[in-house]
PDB file of N, CA and C in Angstrom:
ATOM      1  N   MET A   1      14.155 -12.755 -24.018  1.00  0.00           N
ATOM      2  CA  MET A   1      14.073 -12.614 -22.590  1.00  0.00           C
ATOM      3  C   MET A   1      12.672 -12.994 -22.160  1.00  0.00           C
ATOM      4  N   GLU A   2      12.591 -13.539 -20.989  1.00  0.00           N
ATOM      5  CA  GLU A   2      11.293 -13.776 -20.387  1.00  0.00           C
ATOM      6  C   GLU A   2      11.113 -12.768 -19.277  1.00  0.00           C
ATOM      7  N   GLY A   3       9.937 -12.190 -19.220  1.00  0.00           N
ATOM      8  CA  GLY A   3       9.698 -11.220 -18.167  1.00  0.00           C
ATOM      9  C   GLY A   3       8.472 -10.389 -18.441  1.00  0.00           C
ATOM     10  N   ASN A   4       8.318  -9.344 -17.686  1.00  0.00           N
ATOM     11  CA  ASN A   4       7.157  -8.477 -17.739  1.00  0.00           C
ATOM     12  C   ASN A   4       7.450  -7.265 -18.619  1.00  0.00           C
ATOM     13  N   PHE A   5       6.707  -7.127 -19.715  1.00  0.00           N
ATOM     14  CA  PHE A   5       6.914  -6.034 -20.670  1.00  0.00           C
ATOM     15  C   PHE A   5       6.740  -4.677 -19.996  1.00  0.00           C
ATOM     16  N   ALA A   6       5.712  -4.541 -19.159  1.00  0.00           N
ATOM     17  CA  ALA A   6       5.452  -3.253 -18.502  1.00  0.00           C
ATOM     18  C   ALA A   6       6.593  -2.859 -17.570  1.00  0.00           C
ATOM     19  N   GLN A   7       7.183  -3.822 -16.871  1.00  0.00           N
ATOM     20  CA  GLN A   7       8.303  -3.520 -15.989  1.00  0.00           C
ATOM     21  C   GLN A   7       9.583  -3.251 -16.782  1.00  0.00           C
ATOM     22  N   ALA A   8       9.749  -3.926 -17.911  1.00  0.00           N
ATOM     23  CA  ALA A   8      10.961  -3.790 -18.717  1.00  0.00           C
ATOM     24  C   ALA A   8      10.989  -2.488 -19.510  1.00  0.00           C
ATOM     25  N   THR A   9       9.829  -1.945 -19.852  1.00  0.00           N
ATOM     26  CA  THR A   9       9.769  -0.781 -20.735  1.00  0.00           C
ATOM     27  C   THR A   9      10.476   0.454 -20.185  1.00  0.00           C
ATOM     28  N   PRO A  10      10.186   0.927 -18.972  1.00  0.00           N
ATOM     29  CA  PRO A  10      10.862   2.147 -18.511  1.00  0.00           C
ATOM     30  C   PRO A  10      12.379   1.963 -18.352  1.00  0.00           C
ATOM     31  N   ILE A  11      12.788   0.804 -17.892  1.00  0.00           N
ATOM     32  CA  ILE A  11      14.225   0.538 -17.745  1.00  0.00           C
ATOM     33  C   ILE A  11      14.882   0.518 -19.122  1.00  0.00           C
ATOM     34  N   SER A  12      14.216  -0.116 -20.083  1.00  0.00           N
ATOM     35  CA  SER A  12      14.754  -0.198 -21.447  1.00  0.00           C
ATOM     36  C   SER A  12      14.857   1.179 -22.087  1.00  0.00           C
ATOM     37  N   LYS A  13      13.886   2.035 -21.847  1.00  0.00           N
ATOM     38  CA  LYS A  13      13.938   3.394 -22.401  1.00  0.00           C
ATOM     39  C   LYS A  13      15.129   4.160 -21.851  1.00  0.00           C
ATOM     40  N   GLU A  14      15.352   4.049 -20.542  1.00  0.00           N
ATOM     41  CA  GLU A  14      16.470   4.753 -19.930  1.00  0.00           C
ATOM     42  C   GLU A  14      17.810   4.184 -20.418  1.00  0.00           C
ATOM     43  N   ALA A  15      17.905   2.868 -20.467  1.00  0.00           N
ATOM     44  CA  ALA A  15      19.135   2.235 -20.955  1.00  0.00           C
ATOM     45  C   ALA A  15      19.343   2.533 -22.436  1.00  0.00           C
ATOM     46  N   GLY A  16      18.267   2.552 -23.212  1.00  0.00           N
ATOM     47  CA  GLY A  16      18.363   2.860 -24.640  1.00  0.00           C
ATOM     48  C   GLY A  16      18.930   4.238 -24.900  1.00  0.00           C
ATOM     49  N   ALA A  17      18.555   5.196 -24.071  1.00  0.00           N
ATOM     50  CA  ALA A  17      19.096   6.550 -24.222  1.00  0.00           C
ATOM     51  C   ALA A  17      20.601   6.558 -23.991  1.00  0.00           C
ATOM     52  N   ILE A  18      21.071   5.758 -23.040  1.00  0.00           N
ATOM     53  CA  ILE A  18      22.509   5.675 -22.789  1.00  0.00           C
ATOM     54  C   ILE A  18      23.216   5.016 -23.967  1.00  0.00           C
ATOM     55  N   VAL A  19      22.630   3.946 -24.480  1.00  0.00           N
ATOM     56  CA  VAL A  19      23.227   3.249 -25.618  1.00  0.00           C
ATOM     57  C   VAL A  19      23.332   4.192 -26.819  1.00  0.00           C
ATOM     58  N   LYS A  20      22.310   4.993 -27.041  1.00  0.00           N
ATOM     59  CA  LYS A  20      22.335   5.949 -28.155  1.00  0.00           C
ATOM     60  C   LYS A  20      23.441   6.977 -27.980  1.00  0.00           C
ATOM     61  N   GLN A  21      23.720   7.385 -26.748  1.00  0.00           N
ATOM     62  CA  GLN A  21      24.807   8.339 -26.505  1.00  0.00           C
ATOM     63  C   GLN A  21      26.153   7.754 -26.914  1.00  0.00           C
ATOM     64  N   HIS A  22      26.261   6.436 -26.859  1.00  0.00           N
ATOM     65  CA  HIS A  22      27.531   5.779 -27.179  1.00  0.00           C
ATOM     66  C   HIS A  22      27.640   5.380 -28.648  1.00  0.00           C
ATOM     67  N   GLY A  23      26.641   5.673 -29.474  1.00  0.00           N
ATOM     68  CA  GLY A  23      26.820   5.497 -30.903  1.00  0.00           C
ATOM     69  C   GLY A  23      25.881   4.586 -31.654  1.00  0.00           C
ATOM     70  N   GLU A  24      24.929   3.953 -30.998  1.00  0.00           N
ATOM     71  CA  GLU A  24      24.037   3.096 -31.780  1.00  0.00           C
ATOM     72  C   GLU A  24      22.998   3.927 -32.509  1.00  0.00           C
ATOM     73  N   THR A  25      22.360   3.320 -33.484  1.00  0.00           N
ATOM     74  CA  THR A  25      21.416   4.009 -34.346  1.00  0.00           C
ATOM     75  C   THR A  25      19.978   3.921 -33.833  1.00  0.00           C
ATOM     76  N   ALA A  26      19.580   2.741 -33.334  1.00  0.00           N
ATOM     77  CA  ALA A  26      18.200   2.549 -32.880  1.00  0.00           C
ATOM     78  C   ALA A  26      18.150   1.449 -31.835  1.00  0.00           C
ATOM     79  N   VAL A  27      17.177   1.555 -30.929  1.00  0.00           N
ATOM     80  CA  VAL A  27      16.910   0.519 -29.929  1.00  0.00           C
ATOM     81  C   VAL A  27      15.421   0.223 -29.977  1.00  0.00           C
ATOM     82  N   ARG A  28      15.069  -1.061 -29.998  1.00  0.00           N
ATOM     83  CA  ARG A  28      13.664  -1.459 -30.041  1.00  0.00           C
ATOM     84  C   ARG A  28      13.404  -2.512 -28.978  1.00  0.00           C
ATOM     85  N   LEU A  29      12.318  -2.369 -28.224  1.00  0.00           N
ATOM     86  CA  LEU A  29      11.850  -3.383 -27.292  1.00  0.00           C
ATOM     87  C   LEU A  29      10.586  -3.975 -27.894  1.00  0.00           C
ATOM     88  N   SER A  30      10.551  -5.278 -28.013  1.00  0.00           N
ATOM     89  CA  SER A  30       9.412  -5.954 -28.639  1.00  0.00           C
ATOM     90  C   SER A  30       8.950  -7.112 -27.777  1.00  0.00           C
ATOM     91  N   ILE A  31       7.682  -7.456 -27.944  1.00  0.00           N
ATOM     92  CA  ILE A  31       7.150  -8.675 -27.333  1.00  0.00           C
ATOM     93  C   ILE A  31       6.655  -9.559 -28.472  1.00  0.00           C
ATOM     94  N   CYS A  32       6.979 -10.828 -28.411  1.00  0.00           N
ATOM     95  CA  CYS A  32       6.557 -11.773 -29.438  1.00  0.00           C
ATOM     96  C   CYS A  32       5.145 -12.247 -29.115  1.00  0.00           C
ATOM     97  N   TYR A  33       4.236 -12.149 -30.089  1.00  0.00           N
ATOM     98  CA  TYR A  33       2.845 -12.502 -29.851  1.00  0.00           C
ATOM     99  C   TYR A  33       2.446 -13.871 -30.381  1.00  0.00           C
ATOM    100  N   SER A  34       3.274 -14.486 -31.220  1.00  0.00           N
ATOM    101  CA  SER A  34       2.909 -15.805 -31.729  1.00  0.00           C
ATOM    102  C   SER A  34       4.155 -16.628 -32.021  1.00  0.00           C
ATOM    103  N   GLY A  35       3.955 -17.914 -32.171  1.00  0.00           N
ATOM    104  CA  GLY A  35       5.060 -18.806 -32.485  1.00  0.00           C
ATOM    105  C   GLY A  35       5.725 -19.353 -31.235  1.00  0.00           C
ATOM    106  N   PRO A  36       6.839 -20.041 -31.436  1.00  0.00           N
ATOM    107  CA  PRO A  36       7.500 -20.722 -30.310  1.00  0.00           C
ATOM    108  C   PRO A  36       8.072 -19.781 -29.252  1.00  0.00           C
ATOM    109  N   HIS A  37       8.240 -18.519 -29.581  1.00  0.00           N
ATOM    110  CA  HIS A  37       8.780 -17.551 -28.623  1.00  0.00           C
ATOM    111  C   HIS A  37       7.708 -16.589 -28.093  1.00  0.00           C
ATOM    112  N   ALA A  38       6.440 -16.971 -28.259  1.00  0.00           N
ATOM    113  CA  ALA A  38       5.335 -16.114 -27.807  1.00  0.00           C
ATOM    114  C   ALA A  38       5.509 -15.776 -26.333  1.00  0.00           C
ATOM    115  N   GLY A  39       5.333 -14.492 -26.031  1.00  0.00           N
ATOM    116  CA  GLY A  39       5.447 -14.007 -24.668  1.00  0.00           C
ATOM    117  C   GLY A  39       6.838 -13.537 -24.299  1.00  0.00           C
ATOM    118  N   GLN A  40       7.833 -13.867 -25.108  1.00  0.00           N
ATOM    119  CA  GLN A  40       9.189 -13.432 -24.813  1.00  0.00           C
ATOM    120  C   GLN A  40       9.418 -12.009 -25.300  1.00  0.00           C
ATOM    121  N   LEU A  41      10.327 -11.331 -24.613  1.00  0.00           N
ATOM    122  CA  LEU A  41      10.703  -9.966 -24.964  1.00  0.00           C
ATOM    123  C   LEU A  41      11.993 -10.003 -25.771  1.00  0.00           C
ATOM    124  N   PHE A  42      12.101  -9.087 -26.710  1.00  0.00           N
ATOM    125  CA  PHE A  42      13.292  -8.971 -27.541  1.00  0.00           C
ATOM    126  C   PHE A  42      13.741  -7.523 -27.563  1.00  0.00           C
ATOM    127  N   ILE A  43      15.028  -7.318 -27.455  1.00  0.00           N
ATOM    128  CA  ILE A  43      15.594  -5.979 -27.629  1.00  0.00           C
ATOM    129  C   ILE A  43      16.485  -6.035 -28.851  1.00  0.00           C
ATOM    130  N   GLY A  44      16.240  -5.139 -29.785  1.00  0.00           N
ATOM    131  CA  GLY A  44      17.063  -5.023 -30.981  1.00  0.00           C
ATOM    132  C   GLY A  44      17.825  -3.714 -30.947  1.00  0.00           C
ATOM    133  N   ILE A  45      19.112  -3.786 -31.178  1.00  0.00           N
ATOM    134  CA  ILE A  45      19.956  -2.589 -31.201  1.00  0.00           C
ATOM    135  C   ILE A  45      20.640  -2.550 -32.551  1.00  0.00           C
ATOM    136  N   VAL A  46      20.576  -1.405 -33.215  1.00  0.00           N
ATOM    137  CA  VAL A  46      21.137  -1.250 -34.559  1.00  0.00           C
ATOM    138  C   VAL A  46      22.388  -0.376 -34.500  1.00  0.00           C
ATOM    139  N   PHE A  47      23.459  -0.876 -35.097  1.00  0.00           N
ATOM    140  CA  PHE A  47      24.718  -0.140 -35.188  1.00  0.00           C
ATOM    141  C   PHE A  47      25.051   0.088 -36.654  1.00  0.00           C
ATOM    142  N   ALA A  48      25.721   1.184 -36.947  1.00  0.00           N
ATOM    143  CA  ALA A  48      26.069   1.519 -38.329  1.00  0.00           C
ATOM    144  C   ALA A  48      27.081   0.541 -38.916  1.00  0.00           C
ATOM    145  N   ASP A  49      27.997   0.050 -38.069  1.00  0.00           N
ATOM    146  CA  ASP A  49      29.057  -0.830 -38.572  1.00  0.00           C
ATOM    147  C   ASP A  49      29.699  -1.558 -37.391  1.00  0.00           C
ATOM    148  N   TRP A  50      30.613  -2.470 -37.694  1.00  0.00           N
ATOM    149  CA  TRP A  50      31.267  -3.259 -36.649  1.00  0.00           C
ATOM    150  C   TRP A  50      32.126  -2.394 -35.735  1.00  0.00           C
ATOM    151  N   GLU A  51      32.747  -1.386 -36.283  1.00  0.00           N
ATOM    152  CA  GLU A  51      33.578  -0.495 -35.473  1.00  0.00           C
ATOM    153  C   GLU A  51      32.739   0.187 -34.394  1.00  0.00           C
ATOM    154  N   THR A  52      31.584   0.694 -34.793  1.00  0.00           N
ATOM    155  CA  THR A  52      30.684   1.345 -33.846  1.00  0.00           C
ATOM    156  C   THR A  52      30.188   0.342 -32.808  1.00  0.00           C
ATOM    157  N   PHE A  53      29.875  -0.869 -33.246  1.00  0.00           N
ATOM    158  CA  PHE A  53      29.446  -1.919 -32.327  1.00  0.00           C
ATOM    159  C   PHE A  53      30.512  -2.165 -31.254  1.00  0.00           C
ATOM    160  N   GLY A  54      31.752  -2.362 -31.678  1.00  0.00           N
ATOM    161  CA  GLY A  54      32.835  -2.628 -30.741  1.00  0.00           C
ATOM    162  C   GLY A  54      33.086  -1.473 -29.789  1.00  0.00           C
ATOM    163  N   ARG A  55      33.118  -0.273 -30.340  1.00  0.00           N
ATOM    164  CA  ARG A  55      33.344   0.922 -29.520  1.00  0.00           C
ATOM    165  C   ARG A  55      32.222   1.089 -28.488  1.00  0.00           C
ATOM    166  N   THR A  56      30.993   0.861 -28.911  1.00  0.00           N
ATOM    167  CA  THR A  56      29.847   1.003 -28.009  1.00  0.00           C
ATOM    168  C   THR A  56      29.872  -0.057 -26.919  1.00  0.00           C
ATOM    169  N   GLN A  57      30.197  -1.301 -27.275  1.00  0.00           N
ATOM    170  CA  GLN A  57      30.260  -2.367 -26.276  1.00  0.00           C
ATOM    171  C   GLN A  57      31.299  -2.048 -25.204  1.00  0.00           C
ATOM    172  N   GLN A  58      32.441  -1.532 -25.608  1.00  0.00           N
ATOM    173  CA  GLN A  58      33.474  -1.152 -24.642  1.00  0.00           C
ATOM    174  C   GLN A  58      33.000  -0.012 -23.752  1.00  0.00           C
ATOM    175  N   ALA A  59      32.349   0.969 -24.353  1.00  0.00           N
ATOM    176  CA  ALA A  59      31.860   2.118 -23.578  1.00  0.00           C
ATOM    177  C   ALA A  59      30.787   1.699 -22.580  1.00  0.00           C
ATOM    178  N   LEU A  60      29.880   0.802 -22.988  1.00  0.00           N
ATOM    179  CA  LEU A  60      28.815   0.363 -22.087  1.00  0.00           C
ATOM    180  C   LEU A  60      29.366  -0.460 -20.927  1.00  0.00           C
ATOM    181  N   ALA A  61      30.401  -1.226 -21.180  1.00  0.00           N
ATOM    182  CA  ALA A  61      31.023  -2.017 -20.110  1.00  0.00           C
ATOM    183  C   ALA A  61      31.623  -1.117 -19.039  1.00  0.00           C
ATOM    184  N   ALA A  62      32.030   0.086 -19.429  1.00  0.00           N
ATOM    185  CA  ALA A  62      32.644   1.025 -18.488  1.00  0.00           C
ATOM    186  C   ALA A  62      31.652   2.058 -17.951  1.00  0.00           C
ATOM    187  N   ASP A  63      30.418   2.060 -18.430  1.00  0.00           N
ATOM    188  CA  ASP A  63      29.416   3.052 -18.041  1.00  0.00           C
ATOM    189  C   ASP A  63      28.664   2.561 -16.801  1.00  0.00           C
ATOM    190  N   ALA A  64      28.951   3.150 -15.657  1.00  0.00           N
ATOM    191  CA  ALA A  64      28.357   2.710 -14.386  1.00  0.00           C
ATOM    192  C   ALA A  64      26.833   2.833 -14.388  1.00  0.00           C
ATOM    193  N   ASN A  65      26.303   3.890 -14.999  1.00  0.00           N
ATOM    194  CA  ASN A  65      24.856   4.074 -15.032  1.00  0.00           C
ATOM    195  C   ASN A  65      24.195   2.985 -15.869  1.00  0.00           C
ATOM    196  N   PHE A  66      24.790   2.642 -17.019  1.00  0.00           N
ATOM    197  CA  PHE A  66      24.245   1.566 -17.845  1.00  0.00           C
ATOM    198  C   PHE A  66      24.317   0.234 -17.098  1.00  0.00           C
ATOM    199  N   GLN A  67      25.425  -0.040 -16.440  1.00  0.00           N
ATOM    200  CA  GLN A  67      25.578  -1.292 -15.705  1.00  0.00           C
ATOM    201  C   GLN A  67      24.556  -1.401 -14.574  1.00  0.00           C
ATOM    202  N   ARG A  68      24.249  -0.279 -13.935  1.00  0.00           N
ATOM    203  CA  ARG A  68      23.217  -0.256 -12.890  1.00  0.00           C
ATOM    204  C   ARG A  68      21.861  -0.615 -13.471  1.00  0.00           C
ATOM    205  N   LEU A  69      21.523  -0.015 -14.620  1.00  0.00           N
ATOM    206  CA  LEU A  69      20.242  -0.298 -15.269  1.00  0.00           C
ATOM    207  C   LEU A  69      20.164  -1.746 -15.752  1.00  0.00           C
ATOM    208  N   TYR A  70      21.269  -2.257 -16.277  1.00  0.00           N
ATOM    209  CA  TYR A  70      21.303  -3.642 -16.752  1.00  0.00           C
ATOM    210  C   TYR A  70      21.034  -4.599 -15.580  1.00  0.00           C
ATOM    211  N   ALA A  71      21.677  -4.344 -14.449  1.00  0.00           N
ATOM    212  CA  ALA A  71      21.443  -5.166 -13.259  1.00  0.00           C
ATOM    213  C   ALA A  71      19.993  -5.054 -12.798  1.00  0.00           C
ATOM    214  N   GLN A  72      19.438  -3.857 -12.859  1.00  0.00           N
ATOM    215  CA  GLN A  72      18.037  -3.641 -12.471  1.00  0.00           C
ATOM    216  C   GLN A  72      17.113  -4.414 -13.415  1.00  0.00           C
ATOM    217  N   ALA A  73      17.397  -4.373 -14.698  1.00  0.00           N
ATOM    218  CA  ALA A  73      16.575  -5.078 -15.683  1.00  0.00           C
ATOM    219  C   ALA A  73      16.576  -6.578 -15.427  1.00  0.00           C
ATOM    220  N   LEU A  74      17.726  -7.117 -15.063  1.00  0.00           N
ATOM    221  CA  LEU A  74      17.826  -8.559 -14.834  1.00  0.00           C
ATOM    222  C   LEU A  74      17.026  -9.014 -13.616  1.00  0.00           C
ATOM    223  N   ARG A  75      16.571  -8.081 -12.794  1.00  0.00           N
ATOM    224  CA  ARG A  75      15.679  -8.436 -11.685  1.00  0.00           C
ATOM    225  C   ARG A  75      14.242  -8.634 -12.185  1.00  0.00           C
ATOM    226  N   HIS A  76      13.949  -8.126 -13.395  1.00  0.00           N
ATOM    227  CA  HIS A  76      12.588  -8.214 -13.942  1.00  0.00           C
ATOM    228  C   HIS A  76      12.476  -9.163 -15.127  1.00  0.00           C
ATOM    229  N   VAL A  77      13.582  -9.476 -15.766  1.00  0.00           N
ATOM    230  CA  VAL A  77      13.565 -10.355 -16.932  1.00  0.00           C
ATOM    231  C   VAL A  77      14.697 -11.367 -16.813  1.00  0.00           C
ATOM    232  N   GLU A  78      14.557 -12.465 -17.536  1.00  0.00           N
ATOM    233  CA  GLU A  78      15.605 -13.482 -17.583  1.00  0.00           C
ATOM    234  C   GLU A  78      16.167 -13.508 -18.997  1.00  0.00           C
ATOM    235  N   LEU A  79      17.459 -13.248 -19.126  1.00  0.00           N
ATOM    236  CA  LEU A  79      18.109 -13.289 -20.430  1.00  0.00           C
ATOM    237  C   LEU A  79      18.161 -14.729 -20.898  1.00  0.00           C
ATOM    238  N   GLN A  80      17.603 -15.005 -22.068  1.00  0.00           N
ATOM    239  CA  GLN A  80      17.547 -16.357 -22.609  1.00  0.00           C
ATOM    240  C   GLN A  80      18.720 -16.639 -23.555  1.00  0.00           C
ATOM    241  N   GLU A  81      19.043 -15.678 -24.392  1.00  0.00           N
ATOM    242  CA  GLU A  81      20.124 -15.859 -25.352  1.00  0.00           C
ATOM    243  C   GLU A  81      20.463 -14.529 -25.991  1.00  0.00           C
ATOM    244  N   ARG A  82      21.585 -14.488 -26.690  1.00  0.00           N
ATOM    245  CA  ARG A  82      21.989 -13.316 -27.472  1.00  0.00           C
ATOM    246  C   ARG A  82      22.260 -13.762 -28.889  1.00  0.00           C
ATOM    247  N   SER A  83      21.902 -12.926 -29.827  1.00  0.00           N
ATOM    248  CA  SER A  83      22.164 -13.206 -31.243  1.00  0.00           C
ATOM    249  C   SER A  83      22.644 -11.932 -31.906  1.00  0.00           C
ATOM    250  N   LEU A  84      23.520 -12.079 -32.878  1.00  0.00           N
ATOM    251  CA  LEU A  84      23.970 -10.947 -33.694  1.00  0.00           C
ATOM    252  C   LEU A  84      23.502 -11.179 -35.116  1.00  0.00           C
ATOM    253  N   PHE A  85      22.945 -10.150 -35.725  1.00  0.00           N
ATOM    254  CA  PHE A  85      22.474 -10.227 -37.099  1.00  0.00           C
ATOM    255  C   PHE A  85      23.188  -9.172 -37.928  1.00  0.00           C
ATOM    256  N   VAL A  86      23.611  -9.539 -39.109  1.00  0.00           N
ATOM    257  CA  VAL A  86      24.112  -8.569 -40.077  1.00  0.00           C
ATOM    258  C   VAL A  86      23.000  -8.423 -41.094  1.00  0.00           C
ATOM    259  N   THR A  87      22.510  -7.209 -41.264  1.00  0.00           N
ATOM    260  CA  THR A  87      21.363  -6.984 -42.130  1.00  0.00           C
ATOM    261  C   THR A  87      21.700  -6.061 -43.285  1.00  0.00           C
ATOM    262  N   GLU A  88      20.824  -6.048 -44.244  1.00  0.00           N
ATOM    263  CA  GLU A  88      20.967  -5.180 -45.409  1.00  0.00           C
ATOM    264  C   GLU A  88      19.638  -4.472 -45.620  1.00  0.00           C
ATOM    265  N   ASP A  89      19.652  -3.148 -45.672  1.00  0.00           N
ATOM    266  CA  ASP A  89      18.429  -2.409 -45.982  1.00  0.00           C
ATOM    267  C   ASP A  89      18.058  -2.678 -47.431  1.00  0.00           C
ATOM    268  N   LEU A  90      16.786  -2.960 -47.660  1.00  0.00           N
ATOM    269  CA  LEU A  90      16.323  -3.247 -49.016  1.00  0.00           C
ATOM    270  C   LEU A  90      15.433  -2.141 -49.533  1.00  0.00           C
TER     271      LEU A  90
END
């Protein structure tokens, strides 16, 4: 995402709390400091498994408070792309 980290932080914290209520494990807001994406913001959300991911996505789509925050966030940042990663703890 492109946008202002200071403006995105409080909205992300509030939205992150809602996402956690629906089953995710962790939410992280990051700013890239070097490389081709320097200055861009990244949000990482960790889910235990695909089932939890699907259930949470459905719940967030129906959560009016989350949708309000998402719309508010889009006034401060521009969504550039979405990516899904499957990771393994080492």
